[in-house]
């Protein structure tokens, strides 16, 4: 079973048992999280598309850990002006393991 969920302004394709890294959530490690914004459900040959969300569908997951992604270096340079800016950024994330996909 394949589903598309929306969280943190982004869309993720998930399957049962998969671990995904999403934008930081406020839940603690080990707690359960429910994604109720399900955009699509595909089960073998049956596909259900939401307008905008599939009614009654939920994806349940367990928070595995919180962390920071790899460092992203932002470097701005303007030639002939002697202007340079170097900045680093590490995005916070929450790793979630999908435990159940509920359809209606």
PDB file of N, CA and C in Angstrom:
ATOM      1  N   UNK A   1       0.848  -1.171   0.000  1.00  0.00           N
ATOM      2  CA  UNK A   1       0.000   0.000   0.000  1.00  0.00           C
ATOM      3  C   UNK A   1       0.893   1.233   0.000  1.00  0.00           C
ATOM      4  N   UNK A   2       0.593   2.161  -0.875  1.00  0.00           N
ATOM      5  CA  UNK A   2       1.361   3.385  -1.045  1.00  0.00           C
ATOM      6  C   UNK A   2       0.454   4.566  -0.733  1.00  0.00           C
ATOM      7  N   UNK A   3       0.944   5.512   0.046  1.00  0.00           N
ATOM      8  CA  UNK A   3       0.159   6.702   0.365  1.00  0.00           C
ATOM      9  C   UNK A   3       1.014   7.950   0.215  1.00  0.00           C
ATOM     10  N   UNK A   4       0.351   9.065  -0.025  1.00  0.00           N
ATOM     11  CA  UNK A   4       1.014  10.367  -0.084  1.00  0.00           C
ATOM     12  C   UNK A   4       0.421  11.216   1.032  1.00  0.00           C
ATOM     13  N   UNK A   5       1.293  11.682   1.943  1.00  0.00           N
ATOM     14  CA  UNK A   5       0.835  12.513   3.054  1.00  0.00           C
ATOM     15  C   UNK A   5       1.433  13.901   2.937  1.00  0.00           C
ATOM     16  N   UNK A   6       0.823  14.846   3.637  1.00  0.00           N
ATOM     17  CA  UNK A   6       1.311  16.223   3.655  1.00  0.00           C
ATOM     18  C   UNK A   6       1.583  16.618   5.102  1.00  0.00           C
ATOM     19  N   UNK A   7       2.797  17.108   5.364  1.00  0.00           N
ATOM     20  CA  UNK A   7       3.145  17.606   6.685  1.00  0.00           C
ATOM     21  C   UNK A   7       4.286  18.612   6.544  1.00  0.00           C
ATOM     22  N   UNK A   8       4.223  19.667   7.301  1.00  0.00           N
ATOM     23  CA  UNK A   8       5.273  20.673   7.272  1.00  0.00           C
ATOM     24  C   UNK A   8       5.399  21.394   5.941  1.00  0.00           C
ATOM     25  N   UNK A   9       4.301  21.466   5.167  1.00  0.00           N
ATOM     26  CA  UNK A   9       4.345  22.140   3.887  1.00  0.00           C
ATOM     27  C   UNK A   9       4.950  21.314   2.769  1.00  0.00           C
ATOM     28  N   UNK A  10       5.251  20.047   3.039  1.00  0.00           N
ATOM     29  CA  UNK A  10       5.847  19.167   2.041  1.00  0.00           C
ATOM     30  C   UNK A  10       5.008  17.903   1.905  1.00  0.00           C
ATOM     31  N   UNK A  11       5.176  17.202   0.793  1.00  0.00           N
ATOM     32  CA  UNK A  11       4.464  15.955   0.555  1.00  0.00           C
ATOM     33  C   UNK A  11       5.460  14.808   0.548  1.00  0.00           C
ATOM     34  N   UNK A  12       5.064  13.673   1.145  1.00  0.00           N
ATOM     35  CA  UNK A  12       5.928  12.508   1.254  1.00  0.00           C
ATOM     36  C   UNK A  12       5.183  11.269   0.767  1.00  0.00           C
ATOM     37  N   UNK A  13       5.870  10.417  -0.001  1.00  0.00           N
ATOM     38  CA  UNK A  13       5.331   9.130  -0.403  1.00  0.00           C
ATOM     39  C   UNK A  13       5.789   8.119   0.641  1.00  0.00           C
ATOM     40  N   UNK A  14       4.836   7.440   1.303  1.00  0.00           N
ATOM     41  CA  UNK A  14       5.186   6.514   2.376  1.00  0.00           C
ATOM     42  C   UNK A  14       4.534   5.159   2.152  1.00  0.00           C
ATOM     43  N   UNK A  15       5.186   4.135   2.693  1.00  0.00           N
ATOM     44  CA  UNK A  15       4.644   2.782   2.731  1.00  0.00           C
ATOM     45  C   UNK A  15       4.741   2.280   4.160  1.00  0.00           C
ATOM     46  N   UNK A  16       4.103   1.175   4.429  1.00  0.00           N
ATOM     47  CA  UNK A  16       4.077   0.617   5.776  1.00  0.00           C
ATOM     48  C   UNK A  16       5.476   0.164   6.199  1.00  0.00           C
ATOM     49  N   UNK A  17       5.917   0.564   7.392  1.00  0.00           N
ATOM     50  CA  UNK A  17       7.218   0.166   7.918  1.00  0.00           C
ATOM     51  C   UNK A  17       8.369   1.071   7.496  1.00  0.00           C
ATOM     52  N   UNK A  18       8.119   2.059   6.679  1.00  0.00           N
ATOM     53  CA  UNK A  18       9.161   2.954   6.187  1.00  0.00           C
ATOM     54  C   UNK A  18       9.488   4.030   7.214  1.00  0.00           C
ATOM     55  N   UNK A  19      10.766   4.443   7.259  1.00  0.00           N
ATOM     56  CA  UNK A  19      11.185   5.550   8.112  1.00  0.00           C
ATOM     57  C   UNK A  19      11.380   6.773   7.235  1.00  0.00           C
ATOM     58  N   UNK A  20      10.779   7.890   7.643  1.00  0.00           N
ATOM     59  CA  UNK A  20      10.902   9.129   6.878  1.00  0.00           C
ATOM     60  C   UNK A  20      11.370  10.254   7.797  1.00  0.00           C
ATOM     61  N   UNK A  21      12.068  11.224   7.211  1.00  0.00           N
ATOM     62  CA  UNK A  21      12.507  12.399   7.954  1.00  0.00           C
ATOM     63  C   UNK A  21      11.634  13.571   7.522  1.00  0.00           C
ATOM     64  N   UNK A  22      10.876  14.107   8.477  1.00  0.00           N
ATOM     65  CA  UNK A  22       9.965  15.221   8.205  1.00  0.00           C
ATOM     66  C   UNK A  22      10.438  16.441   8.983  1.00  0.00           C
ATOM     67  N   UNK A  23       9.819  17.586   8.705  1.00  0.00           N
ATOM     68  CA  UNK A  23      10.127  18.798   9.457  1.00  0.00           C
ATOM     69  C   UNK A  23       9.875  18.543  10.941  1.00  0.00           C
ATOM     70  N   UNK A  24      10.596  19.228  11.808  1.00  0.00           N
ATOM     71  CA  UNK A  24      10.540  18.969  13.249  1.00  0.00           C
ATOM     72  C   UNK A  24       9.116  19.038  13.786  1.00  0.00           C
ATOM     73  N   UNK A  25       8.744  17.989  14.529  1.00  0.00           N
ATOM     74  CA  UNK A  25       7.437  17.914  15.178  1.00  0.00           C
ATOM     75  C   UNK A  25       7.616  18.116  16.679  1.00  0.00           C
ATOM     76  N   UNK A  26       6.549  18.487  17.362  1.00  0.00           N
ATOM     77  CA  UNK A  26       6.639  18.793  18.794  1.00  0.00           C
ATOM     78  C   UNK A  26       6.512  17.551  19.688  1.00  0.00           C
ATOM     79  N   UNK A  27       6.180  16.386  19.122  1.00  0.00           N
ATOM     80  CA  UNK A  27       6.032  15.174  19.928  1.00  0.00           C
ATOM     81  C   UNK A  27       7.394  14.689  20.424  1.00  0.00           C
ATOM     82  N   UNK A  28       7.370  13.966  21.547  1.00  0.00           N
ATOM     83  CA  UNK A  28       8.597  13.419  22.116  1.00  0.00           C
ATOM     84  C   UNK A  28       8.923  12.081  21.476  1.00  0.00           C
ATOM     85  N   UNK A  29      10.176  11.643  21.638  1.00  0.00           N
ATOM     86  CA  UNK A  29      10.606  10.363  21.088  1.00  0.00           C
ATOM     87  C   UNK A  29       9.816   9.230  21.728  1.00  0.00           C
ATOM     88  N   UNK A  30       9.397   8.274  20.901  1.00  0.00           N
ATOM     89  CA  UNK A  30       8.621   7.141  21.384  1.00  0.00           C
ATOM     90  C   UNK A  30       7.121   7.359  21.351  1.00  0.00           C
ATOM     91  N   UNK A  31       6.673   8.586  21.161  1.00  0.00           N
ATOM     92  CA  UNK A  31       5.237   8.855  21.140  1.00  0.00           C
ATOM     93  C   UNK A  31       4.663   8.609  19.745  1.00  0.00           C
ATOM     94  N   UNK A  32       3.336   8.536  19.688  1.00  0.00           N
ATOM     95  CA  UNK A  32       2.663   8.280  18.419  1.00  0.00           C
ATOM     96  C   UNK A  32       2.263   9.597  17.770  1.00  0.00           C
ATOM     97  N   UNK A  33       2.361   9.638  16.440  1.00  0.00           N
ATOM     98  CA  UNK A  33       1.953  10.818  15.681  1.00  0.00           C
ATOM     99  C   UNK A  33       0.983  10.362  14.597  1.00  0.00           C
ATOM    100  N   UNK A  34      -0.049  11.175  14.336  1.00  0.00           N
ATOM    101  CA  UNK A  34      -1.069  10.845  13.349  1.00  0.00           C
ATOM    102  C   UNK A  34      -1.062  11.912  12.258  1.00  0.00           C
ATOM    103  N   UNK A  35      -0.918  11.471  11.013  1.00  0.00           N
ATOM    104  CA  UNK A  35      -0.996  12.361   9.860  1.00  0.00           C
ATOM    105  C   UNK A  35      -2.365  12.158   9.237  1.00  0.00           C
ATOM    106  N   UNK A  36      -3.241  13.169   9.338  1.00  0.00           N
ATOM    107  CA  UNK A  36      -4.591  13.025   8.801  1.00  0.00           C
ATOM    108  C   UNK A  36      -4.766  13.722   7.460  1.00  0.00           C
ATOM    109  N   UNK A  37      -3.735  14.367   6.963  1.00  0.00           N
ATOM    110  CA  UNK A  37      -3.783  14.991   5.643  1.00  0.00           C
ATOM    111  C   UNK A  37      -3.222  14.008   4.613  1.00  0.00           C
ATOM    112  N   UNK A  38      -4.051  13.052   4.210  1.00  0.00           N
ATOM    113  CA  UNK A  38      -3.661  12.030   3.235  1.00  0.00           C
ATOM    114  C   UNK A  38      -4.181  12.460   1.873  1.00  0.00           C
ATOM    115  N   UNK A  39      -3.275  12.594   0.905  1.00  0.00           N
ATOM    116  CA  UNK A  39      -3.632  13.090  -0.414  1.00  0.00           C
ATOM    117  C   UNK A  39      -3.984  11.975  -1.393  1.00  0.00           C
ATOM    118  N   UNK A  40      -3.370  10.794  -1.234  1.00  0.00           N
ATOM    119  CA  UNK A  40      -3.576   9.697  -2.177  1.00  0.00           C
ATOM    120  C   UNK A  40      -3.347   8.370  -1.480  1.00  0.00           C
ATOM    121  N   UNK A  41      -4.140   7.365  -1.835  1.00  0.00           N
ATOM    122  CA  UNK A  41      -3.944   6.002  -1.356  1.00  0.00           C
ATOM    123  C   UNK A  41      -3.968   5.086  -2.569  1.00  0.00           C
ATOM    124  N   UNK A  42      -2.936   4.254  -2.706  1.00  0.00           N
ATOM    125  CA  UNK A  42      -2.889   3.295  -3.809  1.00  0.00           C
ATOM    126  C   UNK A  42      -2.691   1.905  -3.210  1.00  0.00           C
ATOM    127  N   UNK A  43      -3.658   1.018  -3.468  1.00  0.00           N
ATOM    128  CA  UNK A  43      -3.604  -0.348  -2.978  1.00  0.00           C
ATOM    129  C   UNK A  43      -3.816  -1.277  -4.168  1.00  0.00           C
ATOM    130  N   UNK A  44      -2.737  -1.894  -4.633  1.00  0.00           N
ATOM    131  CA  UNK A  44      -2.733  -2.748  -5.831  1.00  0.00           C
ATOM    132  C   UNK A  44      -3.281  -1.984  -7.033  1.00  0.00           C
ATOM    133  N   UNK A  45      -4.476  -2.320  -7.521  1.00  0.00           N
ATOM    134  CA  UNK A  45      -5.010  -1.645  -8.702  1.00  0.00           C
ATOM    135  C   UNK A  45      -6.032  -0.560  -8.345  1.00  0.00           C
ATOM    136  N   UNK A  46      -6.325  -0.404  -7.070  1.00  0.00           N
ATOM    137  CA  UNK A  46      -7.304   0.593  -6.624  1.00  0.00           C
ATOM    138  C   UNK A  46      -6.572   1.861  -6.170  1.00  0.00           C
ATOM    139  N   UNK A  47      -6.938   2.999  -6.756  1.00  0.00           N
ATOM    140  CA  UNK A  47      -6.335   4.281  -6.399  1.00  0.00           C
ATOM    141  C   UNK A  47      -7.425   5.236  -5.942  1.00  0.00           C
ATOM    142  N   UNK A  48      -7.182   5.884  -4.811  1.00  0.00           N
ATOM    143  CA  UNK A  48      -8.137   6.840  -4.258  1.00  0.00           C
ATOM    144  C   UNK A  48      -7.441   8.192  -4.122  1.00  0.00           C
ATOM    145  N   UNK A  49      -7.940   9.188  -4.812  1.00  0.00           N
ATOM    146  CA  UNK A  49      -7.346  10.521  -4.804  1.00  0.00           C
ATOM    147  C   UNK A  49      -8.263  11.464  -4.035  1.00  0.00           C
ATOM    148  N   UNK A  50      -7.690  12.231  -3.124  1.00  0.00           N
ATOM    149  CA  UNK A  50      -8.473  13.151  -2.311  1.00  0.00           C
ATOM    150  C   UNK A  50      -8.707  14.481  -2.992  1.00  0.00           C
ATOM    151  N   UNK A  51      -9.785  15.147  -2.584  1.00  0.00           N
ATOM    152  CA  UNK A  51     -10.130  16.470  -3.114  1.00  0.00           C
ATOM    153  C   UNK A  51     -10.328  17.456  -1.977  1.00  0.00           C
ATOM    154  N   UNK A  52      -9.388  17.988  -1.284  1.00  0.00           N
ATOM    155  CA  UNK A  52      -7.951  17.819  -1.405  1.00  0.00           C
ATOM    156  C   UNK A  52      -7.421  16.632  -0.603  1.00  0.00           C
ATOM    157  N   UNK A  53      -8.171  16.139   0.417  1.00  0.00           N
ATOM    158  CA  UNK A  53      -7.703  15.027   1.239  1.00  0.00           C
ATOM    159  C   UNK A  53      -8.675  13.866   1.140  1.00  0.00           C
ATOM    160  N   UNK A  54      -8.169  12.634   1.349  1.00  0.00           N
ATOM    161  CA  UNK A  54      -9.016  11.445   1.363  1.00  0.00           C
ATOM    162  C   UNK A  54      -9.772  11.429   2.689  1.00  0.00           C
ATOM    163  N   UNK A  55     -11.097  11.348   2.617  1.00  0.00           N
ATOM    164  CA  UNK A  55     -11.936  11.394   3.813  1.00  0.00           C
ATOM    165  C   UNK A  55     -11.724  10.148   4.677  1.00  0.00           C
ATOM    166  N   UNK A  56     -11.459  10.347   5.964  1.00  0.00           N
ATOM    167  CA  UNK A  56     -11.349   9.255   6.919  1.00  0.00           C
ATOM    168  C   UNK A  56     -10.032   8.506   6.896  1.00  0.00           C
ATOM    169  N   UNK A  57      -9.102   8.868   6.048  1.00  0.00           N
ATOM    170  CA  UNK A  57      -7.818   8.171   5.967  1.00  0.00           C
ATOM    171  C   UNK A  57      -6.807   8.812   6.905  1.00  0.00           C
ATOM    172  N   UNK A  58      -6.009   7.972   7.566  1.00  0.00           N
ATOM    173  CA  UNK A  58      -4.982   8.447   8.487  1.00  0.00           C
ATOM    174  C   UNK A  58      -3.757   7.565   8.368  1.00  0.00           C
ATOM    175  N   UNK A  59      -2.605   8.154   8.593  1.00  0.00           N
ATOM    176  CA  UNK A  59      -1.353   7.413   8.651  1.00  0.00           C
ATOM    177  C   UNK A  59      -0.802   7.598  10.055  1.00  0.00           C
ATOM    178  N   UNK A  60      -0.556   6.495  10.731  1.00  0.00           N
ATOM    179  CA  UNK A  60      -0.039   6.540  12.100  1.00  0.00           C
ATOM    180  C   UNK A  60       1.445   6.178  12.089  1.00  0.00           C
ATOM    181  N   UNK A  61       2.193   6.849  12.940  1.00  0.00           N
ATOM    182  CA  UNK A  61       3.623   6.596  13.010  1.00  0.00           C
ATOM    183  C   UNK A  61       4.145   6.760  14.421  1.00  0.00           C
ATOM    184  N   UNK A  62       5.382   6.332  14.605  1.00  0.00           N
ATOM    185  CA  UNK A  62       6.033   6.428  15.908  1.00  0.00           C
ATOM    186  C   UNK A  62       7.281   7.284  15.736  1.00  0.00           C
ATOM    187  N   UNK A  63       7.464   8.258  16.619  1.00  0.00           N
ATOM    188  CA  UNK A  63       8.632   9.138  16.555  1.00  0.00           C
ATOM    189  C   UNK A  63       9.855   8.350  17.005  1.00  0.00           C
ATOM    190  N   UNK A  64      10.835   8.218  16.107  1.00  0.00           N
ATOM    191  CA  UNK A  64      12.047   7.468  16.415  1.00  0.00           C
ATOM    192  C   UNK A  64      13.086   8.372  17.056  1.00  0.00           C
ATOM    193  N   UNK A  65      13.373   9.511  16.411  1.00  0.00           N
ATOM    194  CA  UNK A  65      14.368  10.429  16.981  1.00  0.00           C
ATOM    195  C   UNK A  65      14.219  11.822  16.376  1.00  0.00           C
ATOM    196  N   UNK A  66      14.854  12.789  17.035  1.00  0.00           N
ATOM    197  CA  UNK A  66      14.974  14.159  16.544  1.00  0.00           C
ATOM    198  C   UNK A  66      16.442  14.399  16.212  1.00  0.00           C
ATOM    199  N   UNK A  67      16.714  15.302  15.295  1.00  0.00           N
ATOM    200  CA  UNK A  67      18.106  15.576  14.960  1.00  0.00           C
ATOM    201  C   UNK A  67      18.236  16.757  14.026  1.00  0.00           C
ATOM    202  N   UNK A  68      19.466  16.932  13.531  1.00  0.00           N
ATOM    203  CA  UNK A  68      19.770  17.984  12.569  1.00  0.00           C
ATOM    204  C   UNK A  68      20.319  17.337  11.304  1.00  0.00           C
ATOM    205  N   UNK A  69      19.958  17.894  10.165  1.00  0.00           N
ATOM    206  CA  UNK A  69      20.472  17.383   8.892  1.00  0.00           C
ATOM    207  C   UNK A  69      21.919  17.830   8.698  1.00  0.00           C
ATOM    208  N   UNK A  70      22.505  17.421   7.573  1.00  0.00           N
ATOM    209  CA  UNK A  70      23.869  17.807   7.252  1.00  0.00           C
ATOM    210  C   UNK A  70      23.932  19.321   7.044  1.00  0.00           C
ATOM    211  N   UNK A  71      25.126  19.876   7.224  1.00  0.00           N
ATOM    212  CA  UNK A  71      25.286  21.322   7.080  1.00  0.00           C
ATOM    213  C   UNK A  71      25.194  21.722   5.608  1.00  0.00           C
ATOM    214  N   UNK A  72      24.447  22.780   5.369  1.00  0.00           N
ATOM    215  CA  UNK A  72      24.307  23.361   4.044  1.00  0.00           C
ATOM    216  C   UNK A  72      25.033  24.700   4.065  1.00  0.00           C
ATOM    217  N   UNK A  73      26.002  24.886   3.175  1.00  0.00           N
ATOM    218  CA  UNK A  73      26.778  26.119   3.136  1.00  0.00           C
ATOM    219  C   UNK A  73      26.166  27.060   2.112  1.00  0.00           C
ATOM    220  N   UNK A  74      25.867  28.291   2.566  1.00  0.00           N
ATOM    221  CA  UNK A  74      25.334  29.328   1.699  1.00  0.00           C
ATOM    222  C   UNK A  74      26.442  30.366   1.525  1.00  0.00           C
ATOM    223  N   UNK A  75      26.869  30.574   0.284  1.00  0.00           N
ATOM    224  CA  UNK A  75      27.961  31.514   0.018  1.00  0.00           C
ATOM    225  C   UNK A  75      27.508  32.513  -1.029  1.00  0.00           C
ATOM    226  N   UNK A  76      27.508  33.797  -0.653  1.00  0.00           N
ATOM    227  CA  UNK A  76      27.133  34.868  -1.576  1.00  0.00           C
ATOM    228  C   UNK A  76      28.388  35.660  -1.918  1.00  0.00           C
ATOM    229  N   UNK A  77      28.541  35.958  -3.197  1.00  0.00           N
ATOM    230  CA  UNK A  77      29.728  36.650  -3.661  1.00  0.00           C
ATOM    231  C   UNK A  77      29.351  37.649  -4.741  1.00  0.00           C
ATOM    232  N   UNK A  78      29.822  38.878  -4.593  1.00  0.00           N
ATOM    233  CA  UNK A  78      29.593  39.894  -5.614  1.00  0.00           C
ATOM    234  C   UNK A  78      30.955  40.313  -6.163  1.00  0.00           C
ATOM    235  N   UNK A  79      31.206  40.014  -7.414  1.00  0.00           N
ATOM    236  CA  UNK A  79      32.522  40.345  -7.976  1.00  0.00           C
ATOM    237  C   UNK A  79      32.738  41.859  -8.068  1.00  0.00           C
ATOM    238  N   UNK A  80      33.978  42.257  -7.963  1.00  0.00           N
ATOM    239  CA  UNK A  80      34.433  43.653  -8.079  1.00  0.00           C
ATOM    240  C   UNK A  80      33.935  44.540  -6.941  1.00  0.00           C
ATOM    241  N   UNK A  81      33.265  43.999  -5.949  1.00  0.00           N
ATOM    242  CA  UNK A  81      32.763  44.793  -4.823  1.00  0.00           C
ATOM    243  C   UNK A  81      33.412  44.395  -3.497  1.00  0.00           C
ATOM    244  N   UNK A  82      34.192  43.330  -3.517  1.00  0.00           N
ATOM    245  CA  UNK A  82      34.809  42.770  -2.300  1.00  0.00           C
ATOM    246  C   UNK A  82      33.751  42.421  -1.258  1.00  0.00           C
ATOM    247  N   UNK A  83      32.660  41.902  -1.725  1.00  0.00           N
ATOM    248  CA  UNK A  83      31.562  41.539  -0.831  1.00  0.00           C
ATOM    249  C   UNK A  83      31.390  40.022  -0.825  1.00  0.00           C
ATOM    250  N   UNK A  84      31.527  39.408   0.349  1.00  0.00           N
ATOM    251  CA  UNK A  84      31.377  37.967   0.496  1.00  0.00           C
ATOM    252  C   UNK A  84      30.617  37.678   1.781  1.00  0.00           C
ATOM    253  N   UNK A  85      29.719  36.700   1.715  1.00  0.00           N
ATOM    254  CA  UNK A  85      28.994  36.262   2.905  1.00  0.00           C
ATOM    255  C   UNK A  85      28.974  34.749   2.904  1.00  0.00           C
ATOM    256  N   UNK A  86      29.399  34.155   3.992  1.00  0.00           N
ATOM    257  CA  UNK A  86      29.377  32.711   4.128  1.00  0.00           C
ATOM    258  C   UNK A  86      28.548  32.366   5.353  1.00  0.00           C
ATOM    259  N   UNK A  87      27.551  31.528   5.140  1.00  0.00           N
ATOM    260  CA  UNK A  87      26.645  31.177   6.222  1.00  0.00           C
ATOM    261  C   UNK A  87      26.361  29.679   6.138  1.00  0.00           C
ATOM    262  N   UNK A  88      26.205  29.039   7.264  1.00  0.00           N
ATOM    263  CA  UNK A  88      25.848  27.628   7.315  1.00  0.00           C
ATOM    264  C   UNK A  88      24.468  27.449   7.915  1.00  0.00           C
ATOM    265  N   UNK A  89      23.806  26.350   7.524  1.00  0.00           N
ATOM    266  CA  UNK A  89      22.459  26.090   8.036  1.00  0.00           C
ATOM    267  C   UNK A  89      22.274  24.585   8.213  1.00  0.00           C
ATOM    268  N   UNK A  90      21.691  24.185   9.349  1.00  0.00           N
ATOM    269  CA  UNK A  90      21.351  22.784   9.599  1.00  0.00           C
ATOM    270  C   UNK A  90      19.881  22.725   9.981  1.00  0.00           C
ATOM    271  N   UNK A  91      19.090  22.083   9.131  1.00  0.00           N
ATOM    272  CA  UNK A  91      17.645  21.995   9.341  1.00  0.00           C
ATOM    273  C   UNK A  91      17.320  20.931  10.388  1.00  0.00           C
ATOM    274  N   UNK A  92      16.403  21.238  11.297  1.00  0.00           N
ATOM    275  CA  UNK A  92      15.945  20.284  12.295  1.00  0.00           C
ATOM    276  C   UNK A  92      14.955  19.315  11.658  1.00  0.00           C
ATOM    277  N   UNK A  93      14.985  18.047  12.080  1.00  0.00           N
ATOM    278  CA  UNK A  93      14.060  17.052  11.546  1.00  0.00           C
ATOM    279  C   UNK A  93      13.598  16.108  12.634  1.00  0.00           C
ATOM    280  N   UNK A  94      12.534  15.377  12.325  1.00  0.00           N
ATOM    281  CA  UNK A  94      12.029  14.308  13.171  1.00  0.00           C
ATOM    282  C   UNK A  94      11.935  13.066  12.306  1.00  0.00           C
ATOM    283  N   UNK A  95      12.521  11.970  12.774  1.00  0.00           N
ATOM    284  CA  UNK A  95      12.434  10.712  12.035  1.00  0.00           C
ATOM    285  C   UNK A  95      11.223   9.928  12.553  1.00  0.00           C
ATOM    286  N   UNK A  96      10.332   9.546  11.630  1.00  0.00           N
ATOM    287  CA  UNK A  96       9.085   8.869  11.980  1.00  0.00           C
ATOM    288  C   UNK A  96       9.044   7.528  11.253  1.00  0.00           C
ATOM    289  N   UNK A  97       8.679   6.471  11.993  1.00  0.00           N
ATOM    290  CA  UNK A  97       8.468   5.155  11.384  1.00  0.00           C
ATOM    291  C   UNK A  97       6.961   4.940  11.226  1.00  0.00           C
ATOM    292  N   UNK A  98       6.537   4.639   9.995  1.00  0.00           N
ATOM    293  CA  UNK A  98       5.116   4.439   9.706  1.00  0.00           C
ATOM    294  C   UNK A  98       4.693   3.076  10.257  1.00  0.00           C
ATOM    295  N   UNK A  99       3.699   3.085  11.165  1.00  0.00           N
ATOM    296  CA  UNK A  99       3.261   1.838  11.795  1.00  0.00           C
ATOM    297  C   UNK A  99       1.925   1.334  11.265  1.00  0.00           C
ATOM    298  N   UNK A 100       1.057   2.238  10.807  1.00  0.00           N
ATOM    299  CA  UNK A 100      -0.269   1.813  10.318  1.00  0.00           C
ATOM    300  C   UNK A 100      -0.799   2.814   9.306  1.00  0.00           C
ATOM    301  N   UNK A 101      -1.540   2.282   8.326  1.00  0.00           N
ATOM    302  CA  UNK A 101      -2.228   3.110   7.351  1.00  0.00           C
ATOM    303  C   UNK A 101      -3.701   2.762   7.442  1.00  0.00           C
ATOM    304  N   UNK A 102      -4.513   3.698   7.942  1.00  0.00           N
ATOM    305  CA  UNK A 102      -5.933   3.467   8.135  1.00  0.00           C
ATOM    306  C   UNK A 102      -6.718   4.084   6.984  1.00  0.00           C
ATOM    307  N   UNK A 103      -7.523   3.271   6.330  1.00  0.00           N
ATOM    308  CA  UNK A 103      -8.399   3.786   5.275  1.00  0.00           C
ATOM    309  C   UNK A 103      -9.829   3.621   5.761  1.00  0.00           C
ATOM    310  N   UNK A 104     -10.460   4.713   6.004  1.00  0.00           N
ATOM    311  CA  UNK A 104     -11.865   4.784   6.421  1.00  0.00           C
ATOM    312  C   UNK A 104     -12.196   3.881   7.542  1.00  0.00           C
TER     313      UNK A 104
END
